[in-house]
């Protein structure tokens, strides 16, 4: 099983950083617990996505960036049939707001998270917005540079990954608004 978590800092030993997120492979047999201390002085957002895997997942970064309200894949690529795509945007100083695809390349995307926390302390904005889009079991389509276009209020730090070896329909999601997971 693969756990994916987005957070402002490392969640601890055993996690591997994937740009704005962290991943960890956990045993599929039996129950397990998830704990994550909140160490930020300001509002913190977390999303924990659990994916059932078929073998070891392979992550291929298809885009990364920061800022802007229209996020686009910078390079052309061809999807591997049956793989999944995950688009994560971790926007600091963003009050949140609507998000949608301007061009989804015919893929059926699901919005997993669009949570926001707003905080102003001493005149400084410490708000955060965490957006996660996901599509699975994709066809072997060619995606031109700029072909995937995602609208957000504020781009923050974002990453787009193609992930192999995830079981279709195996996603579980646990959002947290700063009270820990």
C-alpha atoms as a PDB file:
ATOM      1  CA  UNK A   1       0.000   0.000   0.000  1.00  0.00           C
ATOM      2  CA  UNK A   2       1.255   3.500  -0.822  1.00  0.00           C
ATOM      3  CA  UNK A   3       0.566   6.461   1.413  1.00  0.00           C
ATOM      4  CA  UNK A   4       0.975   9.935   0.010  1.00  0.00           C
ATOM      5  CA  UNK A   5       0.961  13.001   2.176  1.00  0.00           C
ATOM      6  CA  UNK A   6       1.433  16.692   1.507  1.00  0.00           C
ATOM      7  CA  UNK A   7       2.851  18.830   4.258  1.00  0.00           C
ATOM      8  CA  UNK A   8       5.105  21.834   4.788  1.00  0.00           C
ATOM      9  CA  UNK A   9       7.944  19.673   6.125  1.00  0.00           C
ATOM     10  CA  UNK A  10       9.095  16.080   6.351  1.00  0.00           C
ATOM     11  CA  UNK A  11       6.695  13.817   8.267  1.00  0.00           C
ATOM     12  CA  UNK A  12       9.643  11.812   9.597  1.00  0.00           C
ATOM     13  CA  UNK A  13      11.680   8.679   9.013  1.00  0.00           C
ATOM     14  CA  UNK A  14      10.571   6.306   6.281  1.00  0.00           C
ATOM     15  CA  UNK A  15       9.038   8.945   4.000  1.00  0.00           C
ATOM     16  CA  UNK A  16      10.458   9.797   0.556  1.00  0.00           C
ATOM     17  CA  UNK A  17       9.979  13.319  -0.804  1.00  0.00           C
ATOM     18  CA  UNK A  18       8.177  13.698  -4.148  1.00  0.00           C
ATOM     19  CA  UNK A  19       8.418  17.499  -4.752  1.00  0.00           C
ATOM     20  CA  UNK A  20       5.532  19.007  -2.717  1.00  0.00           C
ATOM     21  CA  UNK A  21       4.515  15.653  -1.223  1.00  0.00           C
ATOM     22  CA  UNK A  22       5.953  12.668   0.618  1.00  0.00           C
ATOM     23  CA  UNK A  23       5.340   8.958  -0.035  1.00  0.00           C
ATOM     24  CA  UNK A  24       5.758   5.802   2.000  1.00  0.00           C
ATOM     25  CA  UNK A  25       5.194   2.125   1.202  1.00  0.00           C
ATOM     26  CA  UNK A  26       3.439   0.292   4.062  1.00  0.00           C
ATOM     27  CA  UNK A  27       2.607  -3.409   4.490  1.00  0.00           C
ATOM     28  CA  UNK A  28      -0.759  -4.361   3.013  1.00  0.00           C
ATOM     29  CA  UNK A  29      -1.565  -6.932   5.664  1.00  0.00           C
ATOM     30  CA  UNK A  30      -3.221  -5.999   8.930  1.00  0.00           C
ATOM     31  CA  UNK A  31      -4.145  -2.679  10.483  1.00  0.00           C
ATOM     32  CA  UNK A  32      -1.727   0.197  10.831  1.00  0.00           C
ATOM     33  CA  UNK A  33      -1.900   3.595  12.458  1.00  0.00           C
ATOM     34  CA  UNK A  34      -0.971   6.992  11.106  1.00  0.00           C
ATOM     35  CA  UNK A  35       0.290   9.761  13.354  1.00  0.00           C
ATOM     36  CA  UNK A  36       1.634  13.082  12.265  1.00  0.00           C
ATOM     37  CA  UNK A  37       2.522  15.869  14.655  1.00  0.00           C
ATOM     38  CA  UNK A  38       1.723  19.421  13.663  1.00  0.00           C
ATOM     39  CA  UNK A  39       4.820  21.555  14.207  1.00  0.00           C
ATOM     40  CA  UNK A  40       3.872  24.734  12.350  1.00  0.00           C
ATOM     41  CA  UNK A  41       3.285  27.953  14.254  1.00  0.00           C
ATOM     42  CA  UNK A  42       0.507  28.772  11.789  1.00  0.00           C
ATOM     43  CA  UNK A  43      -2.342  26.972  10.083  1.00  0.00           C
ATOM     44  CA  UNK A  44      -1.346  23.645   8.563  1.00  0.00           C
ATOM     45  CA  UNK A  45      -3.103  21.468   6.011  1.00  0.00           C
ATOM     46  CA  UNK A  46      -2.577  17.766   5.442  1.00  0.00           C
ATOM     47  CA  UNK A  47      -4.071  15.223   3.076  1.00  0.00           C
ATOM     48  CA  UNK A  48      -3.274  11.544   3.389  1.00  0.00           C
ATOM     49  CA  UNK A  49      -4.059   9.449   0.301  1.00  0.00           C
ATOM     50  CA  UNK A  50      -3.869   5.665   0.597  1.00  0.00           C
ATOM     51  CA  UNK A  51      -3.448   3.695  -2.627  1.00  0.00           C
ATOM     52  CA  UNK A  52      -3.520  -0.079  -3.014  1.00  0.00           C
ATOM     53  CA  UNK A  53      -0.595  -1.156  -5.151  1.00  0.00           C
ATOM     54  CA  UNK A  54       0.243  -3.971  -7.531  1.00  0.00           C
ATOM     55  CA  UNK A  55       3.974  -4.222  -6.987  1.00  0.00           C
ATOM     56  CA  UNK A  56       6.189  -1.223  -6.338  1.00  0.00           C
ATOM     57  CA  UNK A  57       4.780   2.093  -7.646  1.00  0.00           C
ATOM     58  CA  UNK A  58       6.975   3.989 -10.095  1.00  0.00           C
ATOM     59  CA  UNK A  59       6.695   7.788 -10.012  1.00  0.00           C
ATOM     60  CA  UNK A  60       7.457   9.775 -13.160  1.00  0.00           C
ATOM     61  CA  UNK A  61       7.365  13.521 -12.768  1.00  0.00           C
ATOM     62  CA  UNK A  62       5.490  15.098 -15.691  1.00  0.00           C
ATOM     63  CA  UNK A  63       5.641  18.690 -14.525  1.00  0.00           C
ATOM     64  CA  UNK A  64       6.516  20.980 -11.648  1.00  0.00           C
ATOM     65  CA  UNK A  65       6.406  24.687 -10.994  1.00  0.00           C
ATOM     66  CA  UNK A  66       5.265  27.498  -8.786  1.00  0.00           C
ATOM     67  CA  UNK A  67       2.958  30.465  -9.036  1.00  0.00           C
ATOM     68  CA  UNK A  68       0.324  31.457 -11.532  1.00  0.00           C
ATOM     69  CA  UNK A  69      -3.350  30.684 -11.858  1.00  0.00           C
ATOM     70  CA  UNK A  70      -3.074  28.407 -14.926  1.00  0.00           C
ATOM     71  CA  UNK A  71      -0.885  25.354 -14.354  1.00  0.00           C
ATOM     72  CA  UNK A  72       0.322  23.445 -17.445  1.00  0.00           C
ATOM     73  CA  UNK A  73       2.559  20.463 -18.121  1.00  0.00           C
ATOM     74  CA  UNK A  74       5.774  21.993 -19.535  1.00  0.00           C
ATOM     75  CA  UNK A  75       6.777  19.062 -21.764  1.00  0.00           C
ATOM     76  CA  UNK A  76       5.048  16.587 -24.054  1.00  0.00           C
ATOM     77  CA  UNK A  77       4.764  12.970 -22.898  1.00  0.00           C
ATOM     78  CA  UNK A  78       2.914   9.744 -23.665  1.00  0.00           C
ATOM     79  CA  UNK A  79       0.936   8.143 -20.856  1.00  0.00           C
ATOM     80  CA  UNK A  80       1.473   4.491 -20.004  1.00  0.00           C
ATOM     81  CA  UNK A  81      -1.791   2.585 -20.443  1.00  0.00           C
ATOM     82  CA  UNK A  82      -3.359   1.736 -17.080  1.00  0.00           C
ATOM     83  CA  UNK A  83      -1.287   4.250 -15.105  1.00  0.00           C
ATOM     84  CA  UNK A  84      -2.584   7.062 -12.892  1.00  0.00           C
ATOM     85  CA  UNK A  85      -1.941  10.809 -12.826  1.00  0.00           C
ATOM     86  CA  UNK A  86      -1.773  12.873  -9.636  1.00  0.00           C
ATOM     87  CA  UNK A  87      -1.675  16.684  -9.667  1.00  0.00           C
ATOM     88  CA  UNK A  88      -0.878  18.318  -6.334  1.00  0.00           C
ATOM     89  CA  UNK A  89      -0.796  22.069  -5.652  1.00  0.00           C
ATOM     90  CA  UNK A  90       0.411  23.283  -2.257  1.00  0.00           C
ATOM     91  CA  UNK A  91      -0.357  27.023  -2.258  1.00  0.00           C
ATOM     92  CA  UNK A  92       0.814  29.133   0.664  1.00  0.00           C
ATOM     93  CA  UNK A  93      -0.679  32.601   1.239  1.00  0.00           C
ATOM     94  CA  UNK A  94      -3.721  31.499  -0.786  1.00  0.00           C
ATOM     95  CA  UNK A  95      -7.266  31.837   0.545  1.00  0.00           C
ATOM     96  CA  UNK A  96      -8.372  28.919  -1.621  1.00  0.00           C
ATOM     97  CA  UNK A  97     -11.157  29.009  -4.134  1.00  0.00           C
ATOM     98  CA  UNK A  98     -12.470  27.181  -7.169  1.00  0.00           C
ATOM     99  CA  UNK A  99     -10.316  24.878  -9.262  1.00  0.00           C
ATOM    100  CA  UNK A 100     -11.167  23.281 -12.598  1.00  0.00           C
ATOM    101  CA  UNK A 101      -9.607  21.930 -15.753  1.00  0.00           C
ATOM    102  CA  UNK A 102      -9.406  24.264 -18.710  1.00  0.00           C
ATOM    103  CA  UNK A 103      -8.128  21.318 -20.764  1.00  0.00           C
ATOM    104  CA  UNK A 104      -8.241  17.795 -19.300  1.00  0.00           C
ATOM    105  CA  UNK A 105      -7.216  15.963 -22.520  1.00  0.00           C
ATOM    106  CA  UNK A 106     -10.383  13.856 -22.251  1.00  0.00           C
ATOM    107  CA  UNK A 107      -9.273  12.254 -18.957  1.00  0.00           C
ATOM    108  CA  UNK A 108     -11.791  11.759 -16.126  1.00  0.00           C
ATOM    109  CA  UNK A 109     -10.207  13.690 -13.235  1.00  0.00           C
ATOM    110  CA  UNK A 110     -11.498  13.526  -9.647  1.00  0.00           C
ATOM    111  CA  UNK A 111     -10.964  16.378  -7.201  1.00  0.00           C
ATOM    112  CA  UNK A 112      -9.642  14.737  -4.021  1.00  0.00           C
ATOM    113  CA  UNK A 113      -8.866  17.870  -2.054  1.00  0.00           C
ATOM    114  CA  UNK A 114      -9.422  21.605  -2.187  1.00  0.00           C
ATOM    115  CA  UNK A 115      -9.078  22.488   1.471  1.00  0.00           C
ATOM    116  CA  UNK A 116      -7.983  25.875   2.766  1.00  0.00           C
ATOM    117  CA  UNK A 117      -7.103  27.489   6.083  1.00  0.00           C
ATOM    118  CA  UNK A 118      -6.890  31.231   6.534  1.00  0.00           C
ATOM    119  CA  UNK A 119      -4.766  32.934   9.154  1.00  0.00           C
ATOM    120  CA  UNK A 120      -3.380  36.443   9.513  1.00  0.00           C
ATOM    121  CA  UNK A 121      -0.890  37.115  12.289  1.00  0.00           C
ATOM    122  CA  UNK A 122       0.833  40.452  12.827  1.00  0.00           C
ATOM    123  CA  UNK A 123      -0.398  41.634   9.424  1.00  0.00           C
ATOM    124  CA  UNK A 124       1.124  38.649   7.578  1.00  0.00           C
ATOM    125  CA  UNK A 125      -0.988  36.179   5.618  1.00  0.00           C
ATOM    126  CA  UNK A 126      -0.289  32.578   6.654  1.00  0.00           C
ATOM    127  CA  UNK A 127      -3.171  31.063   4.708  1.00  0.00           C
ATOM    128  CA  UNK A 128      -2.776  27.787   2.845  1.00  0.00           C
ATOM    129  CA  UNK A 129      -4.656  25.883   0.139  1.00  0.00           C
ATOM    130  CA  UNK A 130      -4.085  22.233  -0.778  1.00  0.00           C
ATOM    131  CA  UNK A 131      -5.464  20.986  -4.099  1.00  0.00           C
ATOM    132  CA  UNK A 132      -5.209  17.359  -5.261  1.00  0.00           C
ATOM    133  CA  UNK A 133      -6.593  16.052  -8.592  1.00  0.00           C
ATOM    134  CA  UNK A 134      -6.383  12.358  -9.566  1.00  0.00           C
ATOM    135  CA  UNK A 135      -7.219  10.180 -12.568  1.00  0.00           C
ATOM    136  CA  UNK A 136      -6.600   6.457 -12.906  1.00  0.00           C
ATOM    137  CA  UNK A 137      -6.445   3.726 -15.513  1.00  0.00           C
ATOM    138  CA  UNK A 138      -5.514   6.211 -18.252  1.00  0.00           C
ATOM    139  CA  UNK A 139      -5.174   5.241 -21.924  1.00  0.00           C
ATOM    140  CA  UNK A 140      -1.797   5.449 -23.713  1.00  0.00           C
ATOM    141  CA  UNK A 141      -2.497   9.004 -24.947  1.00  0.00           C
ATOM    142  CA  UNK A 142       0.023  11.549 -26.182  1.00  0.00           C
ATOM    143  CA  UNK A 143      -0.155  14.751 -24.110  1.00  0.00           C
ATOM    144  CA  UNK A 144       1.367  17.785 -25.877  1.00  0.00           C
ATOM    145  CA  UNK A 145       3.316  20.428 -23.946  1.00  0.00           C
ATOM    146  CA  UNK A 146       0.724  22.657 -22.256  1.00  0.00           C
ATOM    147  CA  UNK A 147      -1.982  20.117 -23.104  1.00  0.00           C
ATOM    148  CA  UNK A 148      -3.131  19.671 -19.511  1.00  0.00           C
ATOM    149  CA  UNK A 149      -4.342  22.991 -18.112  1.00  0.00           C
ATOM    150  CA  UNK A 150      -5.512  23.359 -14.517  1.00  0.00           C
ATOM    151  CA  UNK A 151      -7.132  26.552 -13.175  1.00  0.00           C
ATOM    152  CA  UNK A 152      -6.329  27.491  -9.559  1.00  0.00           C
ATOM    153  CA  UNK A 153      -6.566  30.701  -7.529  1.00  0.00           C
ATOM    154  CA  UNK A 154      -2.833  30.676  -6.723  1.00  0.00           C
ATOM    155  CA  UNK A 155      -0.305  28.163  -8.078  1.00  0.00           C
ATOM    156  CA  UNK A 156       1.966  27.854  -5.070  1.00  0.00           C
ATOM    157  CA  UNK A 157       4.294  24.858  -5.459  1.00  0.00           C
ATOM    158  CA  UNK A 158       2.859  22.159  -7.675  1.00  0.00           C
ATOM    159  CA  UNK A 159       3.770  18.820  -9.168  1.00  0.00           C
ATOM    160  CA  UNK A 160       2.235  16.468 -11.746  1.00  0.00           C
ATOM    161  CA  UNK A 161       3.154  12.769 -11.547  1.00  0.00           C
ATOM    162  CA  UNK A 162       2.362   9.675 -13.538  1.00  0.00           C
ATOM    163  CA  UNK A 163       2.282   6.647 -11.226  1.00  0.00           C
ATOM    164  CA  UNK A 164       2.330   3.007 -12.294  1.00  0.00           C
ATOM    165  CA  UNK A 165       1.260  -0.091 -10.361  1.00  0.00           C
ATOM    166  CA  UNK A 166      -1.692   1.432  -8.500  1.00  0.00           C
ATOM    167  CA  UNK A 167      -4.796  -0.729  -8.168  1.00  0.00           C
ATOM    168  CA  UNK A 168      -7.778   0.850  -9.943  1.00  0.00           C
ATOM    169  CA  UNK A 169     -10.385   1.902  -7.395  1.00  0.00           C
ATOM    170  CA  UNK A 170      -7.911   1.438  -4.550  1.00  0.00           C
ATOM    171  CA  UNK A 171      -7.779   5.063  -3.324  1.00  0.00           C
ATOM    172  CA  UNK A 172      -8.656   6.158   0.218  1.00  0.00           C
ATOM    173  CA  UNK A 173      -8.477   9.795   1.347  1.00  0.00           C
ATOM    174  CA  UNK A 174      -8.147  11.403   4.798  1.00  0.00           C
ATOM    175  CA  UNK A 175      -8.094  15.236   4.922  1.00  0.00           C
ATOM    176  CA  UNK A 176      -7.014  17.211   7.990  1.00  0.00           C
ATOM    177  CA  UNK A 177      -7.397  20.888   8.797  1.00  0.00           C
ATOM    178  CA  UNK A 178      -4.433  21.207  11.105  1.00  0.00           C
ATOM    179  CA  UNK A 179      -5.549  18.895  13.907  1.00  0.00           C
ATOM    180  CA  UNK A 180      -3.316  16.034  12.823  1.00  0.00           C
ATOM    181  CA  UNK A 181      -4.018  12.805  11.005  1.00  0.00           C
END
